[in-house]
């Protein structure tokens, strides 16, 4: 799979809140670094991170732009509540080796609190 196809599959699994399918998209020694948090290292730890996140927050990824450049795919996204961000995915042999995401953690937490109050 091309980097673009891998990220398209990633978005699909993310929007289904399928941590197992997400985990399967990463190399065994992959790193996921959401810059608002500490890096998560290893497929099992990345899958566990998604399991925790899906259990505590409703999240949806609406792709805006998706670019591919060599081994990299770059995803610009938003969610239904207006949160925006982008992710960089390095793909090796059809699996994510490295992911870095940029988004505003304070805005995310505020949106989650607002949803809980509703």
N, C-alpha and C. Protein backbone atom coordinates (compact mmCIF):
# COMPACT_ATOMS: atom_id res chain seq x y z
N UNK A 1 0.83 -1.19 0.00
CA UNK A 1 0.00 0.00 0.00
C UNK A 1 0.87 1.25 0.00
N UNK A 2 0.40 2.25 -0.68
CA UNK A 2 1.09 3.53 -0.70
C UNK A 2 0.86 4.25 0.64
N UNK A 3 1.69 5.23 0.97
CA UNK A 3 1.44 6.00 2.20
C UNK A 3 0.03 6.60 2.23
N UNK A 4 -0.44 7.10 1.11
CA UNK A 4 -1.79 7.67 1.04
C UNK A 4 -2.84 6.61 1.38
N UNK A 5 -2.72 5.43 0.81
CA UNK A 5 -3.68 4.35 1.08
C UNK A 5 -3.64 3.94 2.55
N UNK A 6 -2.45 3.88 3.12
CA UNK A 6 -2.33 3.52 4.54
C UNK A 6 -3.08 4.55 5.39
N UNK A 7 -2.90 5.83 5.10
CA UNK A 7 -3.56 6.86 5.89
C UNK A 7 -5.07 6.85 5.65
N UNK A 8 -5.50 6.56 4.45
CA UNK A 8 -6.94 6.42 4.20
C UNK A 8 -7.52 5.28 5.05
N UNK A 9 -6.79 4.16 5.14
CA UNK A 9 -7.21 3.06 6.01
C UNK A 9 -7.18 3.46 7.47
N UNK A 10 -6.17 4.27 7.85
CA UNK A 10 -6.06 4.76 9.22
C UNK A 10 -7.29 5.60 9.58
N UNK A 11 -7.68 6.52 8.69
CA UNK A 11 -8.86 7.37 8.94
C UNK A 11 -10.10 6.50 9.10
N UNK A 12 -10.26 5.51 8.24
CA UNK A 12 -11.42 4.63 8.32
C UNK A 12 -11.47 3.89 9.66
N UNK A 13 -10.35 3.31 10.08
CA UNK A 13 -10.29 2.60 11.37
C UNK A 13 -10.51 3.56 12.53
N UNK A 14 -9.92 4.74 12.46
CA UNK A 14 -10.07 5.75 13.52
C UNK A 14 -11.55 6.12 13.68
N UNK A 15 -12.23 6.35 12.57
CA UNK A 15 -13.63 6.77 12.63
C UNK A 15 -14.56 5.64 13.08
N UNK A 16 -14.10 4.41 13.02
CA UNK A 16 -14.85 3.28 13.57
C UNK A 16 -14.47 3.03 15.03
N UNK A 17 -13.50 3.80 15.55
CA UNK A 17 -12.96 3.60 16.90
C UNK A 17 -12.43 2.18 17.06
N UNK A 18 -11.75 1.69 16.03
CA UNK A 18 -11.24 0.32 15.99
C UNK A 18 -9.75 0.32 16.31
N UNK A 19 -9.43 0.25 17.58
CA UNK A 19 -8.04 0.30 18.03
C UNK A 19 -7.22 -0.87 17.48
N UNK A 20 -7.84 -2.03 17.37
CA UNK A 20 -7.12 -3.20 16.85
C UNK A 20 -6.73 -2.99 15.38
N UNK A 21 -7.66 -2.49 14.57
CA UNK A 21 -7.35 -2.22 13.17
C UNK A 21 -6.29 -1.14 13.04
N UNK A 22 -6.35 -0.13 13.91
CA UNK A 22 -5.31 0.90 13.90
C UNK A 22 -3.96 0.30 14.24
N UNK A 23 -3.91 -0.49 15.30
CA UNK A 23 -2.66 -1.11 15.70
C UNK A 23 -2.02 -1.91 14.58
N UNK A 24 -2.84 -2.58 13.80
CA UNK A 24 -2.34 -3.41 12.71
C UNK A 24 -1.68 -2.60 11.60
N UNK A 25 -1.92 -1.30 11.57
CA UNK A 25 -1.33 -0.44 10.54
C UNK A 25 0.08 0.03 10.88
N UNK A 26 0.55 -0.26 12.11
CA UNK A 26 1.86 0.21 12.57
C UNK A 26 2.89 -0.91 12.56
N UNK A 27 4.14 -0.55 12.31
CA UNK A 27 5.24 -1.48 12.48
C UNK A 27 5.38 -1.82 13.96
N UNK A 28 6.00 -2.94 14.25
CA UNK A 28 6.17 -3.39 15.64
C UNK A 28 6.88 -2.33 16.50
N UNK A 29 7.86 -1.64 15.92
CA UNK A 29 8.64 -0.66 16.68
C UNK A 29 8.28 0.79 16.31
N UNK A 30 7.08 1.00 15.85
CA UNK A 30 6.63 2.33 15.42
C UNK A 30 6.60 3.31 16.59
N UNK A 31 6.62 4.58 16.24
CA UNK A 31 6.49 5.66 17.22
C UNK A 31 5.35 6.56 16.80
N UNK A 32 4.46 6.88 17.73
CA UNK A 32 3.38 7.83 17.51
C UNK A 32 3.62 8.98 18.47
N UNK A 33 3.92 10.14 17.91
CA UNK A 33 4.18 11.30 18.76
C UNK A 33 3.16 12.40 18.46
N UNK A 34 2.16 12.48 19.29
CA UNK A 34 1.24 13.61 19.26
C UNK A 34 1.92 14.68 20.10
N UNK A 35 2.30 15.80 19.48
CA UNK A 35 3.20 16.74 20.13
C UNK A 35 2.66 17.32 21.43
N UNK A 36 1.36 17.21 21.65
CA UNK A 36 0.79 17.66 22.92
C UNK A 36 1.05 16.63 24.03
N UNK A 37 1.55 15.47 23.67
CA UNK A 37 1.78 14.37 24.62
C UNK A 37 3.17 13.79 24.41
N UNK A 38 3.55 12.90 25.31
CA UNK A 38 4.81 12.19 25.17
C UNK A 38 4.70 11.17 24.03
N UNK A 39 5.80 10.86 23.33
CA UNK A 39 5.76 9.85 22.28
C UNK A 39 5.35 8.49 22.85
N UNK A 40 4.64 7.72 22.04
CA UNK A 40 4.25 6.36 22.39
C UNK A 40 5.03 5.44 21.47
N UNK A 41 5.74 4.48 22.05
CA UNK A 41 6.62 3.62 21.26
C UNK A 41 6.14 2.18 21.26
N UNK A 42 6.06 1.60 20.07
CA UNK A 42 5.70 0.21 19.89
C UNK A 42 4.23 0.03 19.53
N UNK A 43 3.99 -0.93 18.64
CA UNK A 43 2.62 -1.20 18.16
C UNK A 43 1.65 -1.47 19.31
N UNK A 44 2.03 -2.31 20.24
CA UNK A 44 1.12 -2.67 21.35
C UNK A 44 0.77 -1.43 22.19
N UNK A 45 1.76 -0.59 22.46
CA UNK A 45 1.51 0.61 23.24
C UNK A 45 0.64 1.61 22.47
N UNK A 46 0.85 1.69 21.17
CA UNK A 46 0.04 2.58 20.34
C UNK A 46 -1.41 2.10 20.32
N UNK A 47 -1.60 0.80 20.15
CA UNK A 47 -2.96 0.25 20.18
C UNK A 47 -3.62 0.51 21.53
N UNK A 48 -2.90 0.30 22.60
CA UNK A 48 -3.44 0.54 23.95
C UNK A 48 -3.80 2.01 24.14
N UNK A 49 -2.99 2.92 23.57
CA UNK A 49 -3.29 4.35 23.64
C UNK A 49 -4.63 4.63 22.96
N UNK A 50 -4.83 4.07 21.77
CA UNK A 50 -6.10 4.28 21.07
C UNK A 50 -7.27 3.69 21.86
N UNK A 51 -7.07 2.52 22.47
CA UNK A 51 -8.14 1.91 23.28
C UNK A 51 -8.55 2.85 24.42
N UNK A 52 -7.56 3.42 25.11
CA UNK A 52 -7.85 4.35 26.20
C UNK A 52 -8.56 5.60 25.69
N UNK A 53 -8.06 6.14 24.59
CA UNK A 53 -8.64 7.38 24.07
C UNK A 53 -10.07 7.18 23.59
N UNK A 54 -10.35 6.07 22.92
CA UNK A 54 -11.71 5.82 22.44
C UNK A 54 -12.66 5.56 23.60
N UNK A 55 -12.13 5.06 24.72
CA UNK A 55 -12.97 4.81 25.89
C UNK A 55 -13.33 6.10 26.63
N UNK A 56 -12.53 7.15 26.43
CA UNK A 56 -12.75 8.38 27.19
C UNK A 56 -13.27 9.56 26.37
N UNK A 57 -13.20 9.48 25.05
CA UNK A 57 -13.62 10.62 24.23
C UNK A 57 -14.19 10.14 22.90
N UNK A 58 -15.19 10.85 22.42
CA UNK A 58 -15.69 10.60 21.08
C UNK A 58 -14.87 11.42 20.12
N UNK A 59 -14.27 10.73 19.17
CA UNK A 59 -13.40 11.42 18.22
C UNK A 59 -13.76 11.01 16.81
N UNK A 60 -13.65 11.96 15.91
CA UNK A 60 -13.88 11.70 14.49
C UNK A 60 -12.89 12.51 13.69
N UNK A 61 -12.37 11.92 12.64
CA UNK A 61 -11.40 12.56 11.77
C UNK A 61 -12.04 12.80 10.41
N UNK A 62 -12.22 14.07 10.06
CA UNK A 62 -12.75 14.43 8.75
C UNK A 62 -11.57 14.96 7.93
N UNK A 63 -11.11 14.17 6.95
CA UNK A 63 -9.95 14.60 6.17
C UNK A 63 -10.24 15.88 5.40
N UNK A 64 -9.27 16.77 5.40
CA UNK A 64 -9.32 17.97 4.56
C UNK A 64 -8.44 17.74 3.36
N UNK A 65 -7.15 17.78 3.59
CA UNK A 65 -6.17 17.51 2.53
C UNK A 65 -5.35 16.30 2.91
N UNK A 66 -5.00 15.51 1.91
CA UNK A 66 -4.14 14.36 2.11
C UNK A 66 -3.11 14.37 0.99
N UNK A 67 -1.86 14.56 1.38
CA UNK A 67 -0.77 14.64 0.43
C UNK A 67 0.17 13.46 0.62
N UNK A 68 0.86 13.08 -0.45
CA UNK A 68 1.85 12.02 -0.38
C UNK A 68 3.14 12.54 -1.00
N UNK A 69 4.25 12.28 -0.31
CA UNK A 69 5.56 12.67 -0.82
C UNK A 69 6.55 11.59 -0.43
N UNK A 70 6.89 10.75 -1.37
CA UNK A 70 7.80 9.65 -1.08
C UNK A 70 7.20 8.70 -0.05
N UNK A 71 7.92 8.49 1.04
CA UNK A 71 7.47 7.59 2.10
C UNK A 71 6.53 8.27 3.09
N UNK A 72 6.16 9.51 2.82
CA UNK A 72 5.36 10.29 3.77
C UNK A 72 3.98 10.59 3.24
N UNK A 73 3.01 10.58 4.13
CA UNK A 73 1.66 11.09 3.86
C UNK A 73 1.39 12.16 4.90
N UNK A 74 0.76 13.23 4.46
CA UNK A 74 0.45 14.36 5.34
C UNK A 74 -1.05 14.58 5.30
N UNK A 75 -1.67 14.52 6.46
CA UNK A 75 -3.12 14.63 6.57
C UNK A 75 -3.49 15.89 7.33
N UNK A 76 -4.28 16.74 6.69
CA UNK A 76 -4.87 17.89 7.38
C UNK A 76 -6.31 17.49 7.68
N UNK A 77 -6.76 17.66 8.93
CA UNK A 77 -8.06 17.14 9.34
C UNK A 77 -8.80 18.15 10.22
N UNK A 78 -10.05 17.83 10.42
CA UNK A 78 -10.89 18.55 11.38
C UNK A 78 -11.84 17.53 12.00
N UNK A 79 -12.52 17.95 13.06
CA UNK A 79 -13.57 17.10 13.61
C UNK A 79 -14.89 17.87 13.55
N UNK A 80 -16.01 17.22 13.86
CA UNK A 80 -17.30 17.90 13.75
C UNK A 80 -17.46 19.12 14.66
N UNK A 81 -16.63 19.21 15.71
CA UNK A 81 -16.74 20.33 16.66
C UNK A 81 -15.82 21.50 16.32
N UNK A 82 -15.08 21.39 15.24
CA UNK A 82 -14.22 22.49 14.83
C UNK A 82 -12.75 22.35 15.19
N UNK A 83 -12.38 21.31 15.93
CA UNK A 83 -10.97 21.08 16.22
C UNK A 83 -10.26 20.76 14.90
N UNK A 84 -9.07 21.29 14.74
CA UNK A 84 -8.30 21.07 13.52
C UNK A 84 -6.89 20.63 13.89
N UNK A 85 -6.28 19.91 12.96
CA UNK A 85 -4.91 19.48 13.17
C UNK A 85 -4.32 18.90 11.90
N UNK A 86 -3.11 18.41 12.03
CA UNK A 86 -2.48 17.72 10.90
C UNK A 86 -1.59 16.62 11.43
N UNK A 87 -1.39 15.63 10.59
CA UNK A 87 -0.57 14.50 10.97
C UNK A 87 0.40 14.16 9.85
N UNK A 88 1.59 13.75 10.24
CA UNK A 88 2.62 13.31 9.31
C UNK A 88 2.88 11.83 9.58
N UNK A 89 2.78 11.02 8.55
CA UNK A 89 2.91 9.57 8.66
C UNK A 89 4.05 9.10 7.76
N UNK A 90 5.07 8.50 8.35
CA UNK A 90 6.12 7.87 7.56
C UNK A 90 5.74 6.40 7.41
N UNK A 91 5.65 5.94 6.18
CA UNK A 91 5.19 4.59 5.88
C UNK A 91 6.33 3.81 5.25
N UNK A 92 6.63 2.66 5.82
CA UNK A 92 7.67 1.77 5.31
C UNK A 92 7.04 0.40 5.10
N UNK A 93 7.16 -0.12 3.89
CA UNK A 93 6.60 -1.44 3.55
C UNK A 93 5.13 -1.54 3.91
N UNK A 94 4.37 -0.49 3.66
CA UNK A 94 2.93 -0.51 3.87
C UNK A 94 2.48 -0.38 5.31
N UNK A 95 3.39 -0.04 6.22
CA UNK A 95 3.06 0.13 7.64
C UNK A 95 3.58 1.48 8.13
N UNK A 96 2.91 2.02 9.13
CA UNK A 96 3.34 3.29 9.71
C UNK A 96 4.54 3.04 10.62
N UNK A 97 5.64 3.71 10.31
CA UNK A 97 6.85 3.61 11.13
C UNK A 97 6.91 4.75 12.14
N UNK A 98 6.44 5.92 11.71
CA UNK A 98 6.50 7.11 12.56
C UNK A 98 5.30 7.99 12.25
N UNK A 99 4.69 8.50 13.29
CA UNK A 99 3.57 9.43 13.13
C UNK A 99 3.77 10.60 14.08
N UNK A 100 3.56 11.80 13.55
CA UNK A 100 3.61 12.99 14.40
C UNK A 100 2.33 13.78 14.12
N UNK A 101 1.65 14.17 15.19
CA UNK A 101 0.41 14.91 15.04
C UNK A 101 0.46 16.24 15.77
N UNK A 102 -0.14 17.24 15.14
CA UNK A 102 -0.21 18.58 15.71
C UNK A 102 -1.68 18.97 15.85
N UNK A 103 -2.09 19.31 17.07
CA UNK A 103 -3.45 19.76 17.35
C UNK A 103 -3.41 20.47 18.70
N UNK A 104 -4.44 21.24 18.97
CA UNK A 104 -4.50 22.05 20.18
C UNK A 104 -5.16 21.24 21.30
N UNK A 105 -4.37 20.77 22.24
CA UNK A 105 -4.87 19.93 23.32
C UNK A 105 -5.86 20.68 24.21
N UNK A 106 -5.63 21.94 24.48
CA UNK A 106 -6.55 22.71 25.31
C UNK A 106 -7.92 22.80 24.64
N UNK A 107 -7.96 23.07 23.35
CA UNK A 107 -9.25 23.12 22.64
C UNK A 107 -9.95 21.77 22.68
N UNK A 108 -9.17 20.69 22.51
CA UNK A 108 -9.74 19.33 22.57
C UNK A 108 -10.37 19.08 23.93
N UNK A 109 -9.66 19.40 25.00
CA UNK A 109 -10.18 19.16 26.35
C UNK A 109 -11.41 20.01 26.63
N UNK A 110 -11.39 21.24 26.19
CA UNK A 110 -12.57 22.10 26.36
C UNK A 110 -13.78 21.53 25.64
N UNK A 111 -13.59 21.05 24.42
CA UNK A 111 -14.70 20.46 23.67
C UNK A 111 -15.24 19.21 24.36
N UNK A 112 -14.36 18.40 24.94
CA UNK A 112 -14.79 17.19 25.63
C UNK A 112 -15.60 17.55 26.88
N UNK A 113 -15.17 18.57 27.61
CA UNK A 113 -15.89 19.01 28.81
C UNK A 113 -17.27 19.54 28.41
N UNK A 114 -17.33 20.31 27.32
CA UNK A 114 -18.60 20.85 26.87
C UNK A 114 -19.57 19.72 26.49
N UNK A 115 -19.07 18.66 25.86
CA UNK A 115 -19.92 17.53 25.50
C UNK A 115 -20.44 16.82 26.74
N UNK A 116 -19.61 16.71 27.78
CA UNK A 116 -20.05 16.06 29.00
C UNK A 116 -21.16 16.84 29.69
N UNK A 117 -21.14 18.17 29.58
CA UNK A 117 -22.14 19.00 30.22
C UNK A 117 -23.50 18.93 29.50
N UNK A 118 -23.46 18.57 28.20
CA UNK A 118 -24.71 18.50 27.43
C UNK A 118 -25.47 17.31 27.79
